[in-house]
Structure formats: C-alpha cells, structure tokens
Amino acid sequence: MACMAFERISVDHRIMGGVPCIRGTRIPVATVVGLLADDMSADEILADYPQLEDADLHEALRYAAAALRERELPLRPSA
C-alpha cells in the first residue's frame, strides 16, 4: 500500500486522542466531512470555522475517500 501525502491533515496522539484533524486546529476531519455531507456549503463552513481554508475542505474529502478505499464497511446486501 502506498502512503498518500496529506499536507493539511495531522494525526497526533496528544491532540484529540489521535483523531485525524485539520493541521494546526482541533477540528476533526470527520466533522468537516460531516458538515459537507449535511449539505452545509463551503462558504458556510468557512464562516463558522474561520481558521479553515477552502483547501482544508478539499483535503478532508480526499482523506475520507482514501480512508474508505482502505477498509470495507459493513453494508446490508441490496435487494
């Protein structure tokens, strides 16, 4: 497995218990992805979290996509 580079994501066991966060913040990647999934616009997120940049949102999505490629989620079979 190749290691992907994420310049805007950090994992530090001393910050948020090692949960992947946007670099230099305590904002978990999962929070950002969840806000986007809940139909919050990028402009709304950036207004609510002024320490974030648009590039942080894109990198959070890239990170989430890479994480999903690395594991299989339990889903119910389609009918």
Protein backbone atom coordinates (compact mmCIF):
# COMPACT_ATOMS: atom_id res chain seq x y z
CA MET A 1 0.00 0.00 0.00
CA ALA A 2 1.39 3.40 -0.97
CA CYS A 3 1.33 6.14 1.64
CA MET A 4 -0.58 9.21 0.49
CA ALA A 5 0.64 12.65 1.45
CA PHE A 6 -1.81 14.93 3.21
CA GLU A 7 -0.24 18.27 3.98
CA ARG A 8 -3.31 19.69 5.72
CA ILE A 9 -4.21 16.69 7.87
CA SER A 10 -2.38 15.78 11.05
CA VAL A 11 -2.62 12.88 13.48
CA ASP A 12 -1.11 13.44 16.91
CA HIS A 13 -1.96 11.27 19.92
CA ARG A 14 -1.76 14.39 22.11
CA ILE A 15 -4.43 16.23 20.10
CA MET A 16 -7.98 14.90 20.14
CA GLY A 17 -6.67 11.45 21.09
CA GLY A 18 -5.04 10.93 17.71
CA VAL A 19 -8.17 11.62 15.65
CA PRO A 20 -7.21 12.98 12.20
CA CYS A 21 -7.63 16.77 12.34
CA ILE A 22 -7.11 19.71 10.07
CA ARG A 23 -3.47 20.73 10.61
CA GLY A 24 -2.98 23.39 13.28
CA THR A 25 -6.53 23.00 14.64
CA ARG A 26 -8.55 20.67 16.82
CA ILE A 27 -11.16 20.29 14.08
CA PRO A 28 -11.57 16.61 13.17
CA VAL A 29 -11.65 15.65 9.51
CA ALA A 30 -14.87 13.75 10.29
CA THR A 31 -16.52 16.98 11.43
CA VAL A 32 -15.66 18.75 8.18
CA VAL A 33 -16.79 15.81 6.05
CA GLY A 34 -19.98 15.51 8.09
CA LEU A 35 -20.83 19.18 7.59
CA LEU A 36 -20.36 18.83 3.85
CA ALA A 37 -22.46 15.66 3.84
CA ASP A 38 -25.21 17.51 5.70
CA ASP A 39 -25.43 19.99 2.80
CA MET A 40 -23.58 22.81 4.51
CA SER A 41 -21.89 24.91 1.84
CA ALA A 42 -18.17 25.54 1.83
CA ASP A 43 -18.84 29.23 2.42
CA GLU A 44 -20.99 28.44 5.47
CA ILE A 45 -18.32 26.14 6.92
CA LEU A 46 -15.59 28.70 6.34
CA ALA A 47 -17.73 31.37 8.01
CA ASP A 48 -18.34 29.14 11.04
CA TYR A 49 -14.72 27.96 11.21
CA PRO A 50 -12.60 30.99 10.18
CA GLN A 51 -9.35 29.11 10.88
CA LEU A 52 -10.12 26.81 7.92
CA GLU A 53 -9.32 27.45 4.28
CA ASP A 54 -11.08 26.12 1.21
CA ALA A 55 -8.12 23.81 0.57
CA ASP A 56 -8.72 22.22 4.01
CA LEU A 57 -12.22 21.17 2.94
CA HIS A 58 -10.93 19.57 -0.24
CA GLU A 59 -8.16 17.74 1.60
CA ALA A 60 -10.65 16.47 4.20
CA LEU A 61 -12.69 14.93 1.37
CA ARG A 62 -9.56 13.42 -0.19
CA TYR A 63 -8.61 11.95 3.18
CA ALA A 64 -12.08 10.48 3.69
CA ALA A 65 -12.04 8.93 0.22
CA ALA A 66 -8.62 7.41 0.85
CA ALA A 67 -9.77 6.03 4.22
CA LEU A 68 -12.76 4.36 2.58
CA ARG A 69 -10.55 2.77 -0.05
CA GLU A 70 -8.55 1.17 2.76
CA ARG A 71 -11.42 -0.57 4.57
CA GLU A 72 -14.59 -2.37 3.80
CA LEU A 73 -17.68 -1.06 5.55
CA PRO A 74 -20.41 -3.48 6.62
CA LEU A 75 -23.41 -2.80 4.42
CA ARG A 76 -26.64 -4.67 4.02
CA PRO A 77 -26.93 -6.50 0.70
CA SER A 78 -29.04 -4.75 -1.91
CA ALA A 79 -32.46 -6.28 -2.53
